[in-house]
């Protein structure tokens, strides 16, 4: 949500269309315990006519180094909630999310 807000979008309004999650993948790399500090990174890639992927990386600090805890991906599809169907992605989205 913060990633979308950073680009002046919401999940219900991305240049006039909504977003819906089509699929996800999570890869756990290391343990994480309550109270440990995390660093989160999000990037958009793999743009298509109807959507794109969001890639996530969560890291924790161990002995002054950041090590990966989780890699994840969500497949996002542009969706019209009023028409209840997949729609084409507005051209501005790719440009804006890559900036």
N, C-alpha and C. Protein backbone atom coordinates (compact mmCIF):
# COMPACT_ATOMS: atom_id res chain seq x y z
N UNK A 1 0.82 -1.18 0.00
CA UNK A 1 0.00 0.00 0.00
C UNK A 1 0.88 1.26 0.00
N UNK A 2 1.95 1.26 0.78
CA UNK A 2 2.85 2.41 0.81
C UNK A 2 3.49 2.63 -0.55
N UNK A 3 3.86 1.54 -1.23
CA UNK A 3 4.46 1.65 -2.56
C UNK A 3 3.47 2.33 -3.51
N UNK A 4 2.22 1.91 -3.49
CA UNK A 4 1.21 2.52 -4.36
C UNK A 4 1.00 3.99 -3.99
N UNK A 5 0.87 4.28 -2.70
CA UNK A 5 0.68 5.66 -2.27
C UNK A 5 1.85 6.55 -2.66
N UNK A 6 3.06 5.99 -2.59
CA UNK A 6 4.25 6.76 -2.99
C UNK A 6 4.13 7.24 -4.44
N UNK A 7 3.43 6.48 -5.26
CA UNK A 7 3.24 6.83 -6.67
C UNK A 7 1.86 7.47 -6.91
N UNK A 8 1.22 7.93 -5.85
CA UNK A 8 -0.10 8.59 -5.91
C UNK A 8 -1.20 7.68 -6.44
N UNK A 9 -1.14 6.40 -6.11
CA UNK A 9 -2.16 5.43 -6.50
C UNK A 9 -2.74 4.77 -5.25
N UNK A 10 -3.88 4.10 -5.45
CA UNK A 10 -4.44 3.19 -4.45
C UNK A 10 -4.79 1.91 -5.19
N UNK A 11 -5.12 0.86 -4.46
CA UNK A 11 -5.48 -0.39 -5.14
C UNK A 11 -6.80 -0.27 -5.89
N UNK A 12 -7.62 0.71 -5.54
CA UNK A 12 -8.90 0.89 -6.23
C UNK A 12 -8.83 1.96 -7.32
N UNK A 13 -7.72 2.71 -7.38
CA UNK A 13 -7.59 3.74 -8.41
C UNK A 13 -6.14 3.89 -8.85
N UNK A 14 -5.82 3.21 -9.92
CA UNK A 14 -4.50 3.34 -10.55
C UNK A 14 -4.72 3.88 -11.96
N UNK A 15 -4.81 5.18 -12.04
CA UNK A 15 -5.04 5.78 -13.35
C UNK A 15 -6.41 5.44 -13.90
N UNK A 16 -7.38 5.26 -13.03
CA UNK A 16 -8.74 4.97 -13.46
C UNK A 16 -9.15 3.51 -13.43
N UNK A 17 -8.22 2.63 -13.10
CA UNK A 17 -8.56 1.20 -12.99
C UNK A 17 -8.17 0.72 -11.59
N UNK A 18 -8.74 -0.40 -11.19
CA UNK A 18 -8.39 -1.00 -9.91
C UNK A 18 -7.34 -2.07 -10.11
N UNK A 19 -6.89 -2.63 -9.00
CA UNK A 19 -5.92 -3.73 -9.03
C UNK A 19 -6.50 -4.92 -8.28
N UNK A 20 -6.16 -6.10 -8.75
CA UNK A 20 -6.53 -7.32 -8.04
C UNK A 20 -5.33 -8.26 -8.11
N UNK A 21 -5.07 -8.97 -7.02
CA UNK A 21 -3.93 -9.89 -7.00
C UNK A 21 -4.33 -11.19 -7.68
N UNK A 22 -3.55 -11.59 -8.67
CA UNK A 22 -3.84 -12.81 -9.42
C UNK A 22 -3.12 -14.03 -8.84
N UNK A 23 -1.90 -13.81 -8.35
CA UNK A 23 -1.13 -14.92 -7.78
C UNK A 23 -0.01 -14.36 -6.92
N UNK A 24 0.61 -15.26 -6.16
CA UNK A 24 1.71 -14.84 -5.30
C UNK A 24 2.71 -15.98 -5.14
N UNK A 25 3.91 -15.62 -4.79
CA UNK A 25 4.97 -16.58 -4.53
C UNK A 25 5.80 -16.04 -3.38
N UNK A 26 6.10 -16.89 -2.39
CA UNK A 26 6.89 -16.47 -1.24
C UNK A 26 8.01 -17.47 -1.03
N UNK A 27 9.22 -16.94 -0.87
CA UNK A 27 10.39 -17.78 -0.63
C UNK A 27 11.03 -17.35 0.69
N UNK A 28 10.96 -18.22 1.69
CA UNK A 28 11.54 -17.92 3.00
C UNK A 28 13.02 -18.29 2.98
N UNK A 29 13.86 -17.34 3.40
CA UNK A 29 15.31 -17.56 3.33
C UNK A 29 15.95 -17.73 4.71
N UNK A 30 15.48 -17.00 5.71
CA UNK A 30 16.05 -17.06 7.05
C UNK A 30 14.97 -16.83 8.09
N UNK A 31 15.27 -17.20 9.32
CA UNK A 31 14.33 -16.99 10.41
C UNK A 31 14.24 -15.51 10.77
N UNK A 32 13.09 -15.15 11.30
CA UNK A 32 12.86 -13.80 11.80
C UNK A 32 12.11 -13.93 13.12
N UNK A 33 12.50 -13.13 14.09
CA UNK A 33 11.88 -13.22 15.41
C UNK A 33 11.27 -11.88 15.80
N UNK A 34 10.23 -11.96 16.62
CA UNK A 34 9.55 -10.77 17.09
C UNK A 34 10.55 -9.78 17.68
N UNK A 35 10.43 -8.53 17.27
CA UNK A 35 11.29 -7.48 17.79
C UNK A 35 12.50 -7.17 16.92
N UNK A 36 12.81 -8.05 15.95
CA UNK A 36 13.94 -7.77 15.07
C UNK A 36 13.56 -6.68 14.06
N UNK A 37 14.50 -5.82 13.77
CA UNK A 37 14.27 -4.74 12.80
C UNK A 37 14.28 -5.31 11.39
N UNK A 38 13.40 -4.79 10.56
CA UNK A 38 13.29 -5.22 9.16
C UNK A 38 13.53 -4.06 8.22
N UNK A 39 14.04 -4.37 7.06
CA UNK A 39 14.10 -3.41 5.96
C UNK A 39 13.32 -4.02 4.81
N UNK A 40 12.36 -3.26 4.27
CA UNK A 40 11.52 -3.76 3.18
C UNK A 40 11.78 -2.97 1.91
N UNK A 41 11.86 -3.70 0.79
CA UNK A 41 12.01 -3.08 -0.52
C UNK A 41 10.93 -3.62 -1.44
N UNK A 42 10.39 -2.76 -2.31
CA UNK A 42 9.36 -3.15 -3.27
C UNK A 42 9.73 -2.55 -4.62
N UNK A 43 9.55 -3.35 -5.68
CA UNK A 43 9.79 -2.87 -7.04
C UNK A 43 8.78 -3.50 -7.99
N UNK A 44 8.41 -2.75 -9.02
CA UNK A 44 7.48 -3.24 -10.04
C UNK A 44 8.27 -3.63 -11.28
N UNK A 45 7.83 -4.70 -11.96
CA UNK A 45 8.51 -5.19 -13.15
C UNK A 45 7.57 -6.12 -13.91
N UNK A 46 8.06 -6.67 -15.01
CA UNK A 46 7.31 -7.66 -15.80
C UNK A 46 5.94 -7.12 -16.24
N UNK A 47 5.94 -5.93 -16.82
CA UNK A 47 4.70 -5.29 -17.25
C UNK A 47 4.13 -5.98 -18.49
N UNK A 48 2.82 -6.12 -18.51
CA UNK A 48 2.13 -6.69 -19.67
C UNK A 48 0.96 -5.78 -20.02
N UNK A 49 0.14 -6.20 -20.94
CA UNK A 49 -1.01 -5.40 -21.36
C UNK A 49 -2.02 -5.21 -20.24
N UNK A 50 -2.10 -6.19 -19.34
CA UNK A 50 -3.14 -6.13 -18.30
C UNK A 50 -2.60 -6.05 -16.87
N UNK A 51 -1.29 -6.08 -16.68
CA UNK A 51 -0.80 -6.04 -15.32
C UNK A 51 0.71 -6.03 -15.20
N UNK A 52 1.17 -6.35 -14.01
CA UNK A 52 2.60 -6.31 -13.71
C UNK A 52 2.84 -7.13 -12.45
N UNK A 53 4.10 -7.36 -12.14
CA UNK A 53 4.48 -8.06 -10.92
C UNK A 53 5.09 -7.07 -9.93
N UNK A 54 4.82 -7.27 -8.66
CA UNK A 54 5.50 -6.55 -7.60
C UNK A 54 6.44 -7.53 -6.92
N UNK A 55 7.68 -7.12 -6.76
CA UNK A 55 8.70 -7.94 -6.11
C UNK A 55 9.05 -7.32 -4.76
N UNK A 56 9.14 -8.17 -3.73
CA UNK A 56 9.38 -7.72 -2.37
C UNK A 56 10.62 -8.40 -1.82
N UNK A 57 11.37 -7.64 -1.02
CA UNK A 57 12.51 -8.22 -0.32
C UNK A 57 12.47 -7.70 1.11
N UNK A 58 12.44 -8.63 2.07
CA UNK A 58 12.53 -8.29 3.49
C UNK A 58 13.89 -8.75 3.99
N UNK A 59 14.57 -7.86 4.70
CA UNK A 59 15.90 -8.17 5.23
C UNK A 59 15.95 -7.81 6.71
N UNK A 60 16.83 -8.51 7.43
CA UNK A 60 17.08 -8.16 8.83
C UNK A 60 18.57 -7.92 9.02
N UNK A 61 18.88 -7.11 10.03
CA UNK A 61 20.28 -6.79 10.30
C UNK A 61 20.88 -7.81 11.25
N UNK A 62 21.99 -8.40 10.83
CA UNK A 62 22.72 -9.36 11.64
C UNK A 62 24.19 -8.97 11.59
N UNK A 63 24.74 -8.65 12.75
CA UNK A 63 26.16 -8.27 12.85
C UNK A 63 26.53 -7.21 11.82
N UNK A 64 25.73 -6.15 11.79
CA UNK A 64 25.95 -4.98 10.93
C UNK A 64 25.84 -5.29 9.43
N UNK A 65 25.24 -6.42 9.07
CA UNK A 65 24.98 -6.75 7.66
C UNK A 65 23.50 -7.04 7.51
N UNK A 66 22.94 -6.70 6.37
CA UNK A 66 21.54 -7.01 6.07
C UNK A 66 21.47 -8.33 5.32
N UNK A 67 20.72 -9.28 5.87
CA UNK A 67 20.57 -10.58 5.22
C UNK A 67 19.10 -10.79 4.83
N UNK A 68 18.87 -11.50 3.72
CA UNK A 68 17.49 -11.70 3.27
C UNK A 68 16.71 -12.63 4.19
N UNK A 69 15.47 -12.26 4.43
CA UNK A 69 14.55 -13.08 5.22
C UNK A 69 13.48 -13.67 4.30
N UNK A 70 12.95 -12.84 3.42
CA UNK A 70 11.88 -13.26 2.51
C UNK A 70 12.04 -12.57 1.17
N UNK A 71 11.85 -13.35 0.11
CA UNK A 71 11.64 -12.81 -1.24
C UNK A 71 10.22 -13.19 -1.61
N UNK A 72 9.49 -12.23 -2.19
CA UNK A 72 8.11 -12.53 -2.57
C UNK A 72 7.77 -11.81 -3.87
N UNK A 73 6.72 -12.30 -4.51
CA UNK A 73 6.21 -11.70 -5.75
C UNK A 73 4.70 -11.80 -5.73
N UNK A 74 4.06 -10.72 -6.16
CA UNK A 74 2.62 -10.77 -6.37
C UNK A 74 2.33 -10.36 -7.80
N UNK A 75 1.52 -11.14 -8.48
CA UNK A 75 1.07 -10.81 -9.82
C UNK A 75 -0.17 -9.94 -9.72
N UNK A 76 -0.08 -8.71 -10.19
CA UNK A 76 -1.19 -7.75 -10.09
C UNK A 76 -1.82 -7.56 -11.46
N UNK A 77 -3.14 -7.56 -11.49
CA UNK A 77 -3.90 -7.42 -12.73
C UNK A 77 -4.80 -6.21 -12.61
N UNK A 78 -4.89 -5.43 -13.69
CA UNK A 78 -5.80 -4.29 -13.72
C UNK A 78 -7.23 -4.81 -13.86
N UNK A 79 -8.11 -4.25 -13.04
CA UNK A 79 -9.45 -4.82 -12.92
C UNK A 79 -10.47 -3.71 -12.73
N UNK A 80 -11.59 -3.85 -13.42
CA UNK A 80 -12.72 -2.94 -13.22
C UNK A 80 -13.68 -3.61 -12.24
N UNK A 81 -13.74 -3.05 -11.05
CA UNK A 81 -14.63 -3.62 -10.04
C UNK A 81 -16.10 -3.40 -10.39
N UNK A 82 -16.40 -2.30 -11.09
CA UNK A 82 -17.80 -2.05 -11.47
C UNK A 82 -18.25 -3.00 -12.58
N UNK A 83 -17.38 -3.25 -13.57
CA UNK A 83 -17.72 -4.16 -14.67
C UNK A 83 -17.40 -5.61 -14.33
N UNK A 84 -16.64 -5.82 -13.24
CA UNK A 84 -16.23 -7.16 -12.80
C UNK A 84 -15.47 -7.92 -13.89
N UNK A 85 -14.46 -7.23 -14.47
CA UNK A 85 -13.65 -7.87 -15.50
C UNK A 85 -12.24 -7.27 -15.55
N UNK A 86 -11.32 -8.04 -16.10
CA UNK A 86 -9.94 -7.59 -16.32
C UNK A 86 -9.95 -6.54 -17.42
N UNK A 87 -9.15 -5.49 -17.23
CA UNK A 87 -9.07 -4.41 -18.22
C UNK A 87 -7.61 -4.11 -18.55
N UNK A 88 -7.40 -3.40 -19.64
CA UNK A 88 -6.05 -3.02 -20.03
C UNK A 88 -5.45 -2.03 -19.05
N UNK A 89 -4.14 -2.12 -18.89
CA UNK A 89 -3.42 -1.22 -18.00
C UNK A 89 -3.20 0.13 -18.67
N UNK A 90 -3.55 1.24 -18.00
CA UNK A 90 -3.25 2.55 -18.56
C UNK A 90 -1.74 2.71 -18.78
N UNK A 91 -1.36 3.34 -19.87
CA UNK A 91 0.06 3.47 -20.24
C UNK A 91 0.88 4.19 -19.19
N UNK A 92 0.28 5.12 -18.46
CA UNK A 92 1.00 5.91 -17.47
C UNK A 92 1.53 5.06 -16.31
N UNK A 93 0.90 3.94 -16.03
CA UNK A 93 1.27 3.13 -14.86
C UNK A 93 2.71 2.65 -14.95
N UNK A 94 3.08 2.08 -16.07
CA UNK A 94 4.44 1.55 -16.24
C UNK A 94 5.47 2.64 -16.03
N UNK A 95 5.28 3.77 -16.68
CA UNK A 95 6.21 4.89 -16.57
C UNK A 95 6.31 5.38 -15.13
N UNK A 96 5.16 5.54 -14.48
CA UNK A 96 5.13 6.08 -13.13
C UNK A 96 5.75 5.12 -12.10
N UNK A 97 5.47 3.83 -12.23
CA UNK A 97 5.98 2.87 -11.26
C UNK A 97 7.48 2.63 -11.41
N UNK A 98 8.01 2.88 -12.58
CA UNK A 98 9.45 2.71 -12.79
C UNK A 98 10.27 3.93 -12.40
N UNK A 99 9.60 5.04 -12.08
CA UNK A 99 10.34 6.25 -11.72
C UNK A 99 10.70 6.29 -10.26
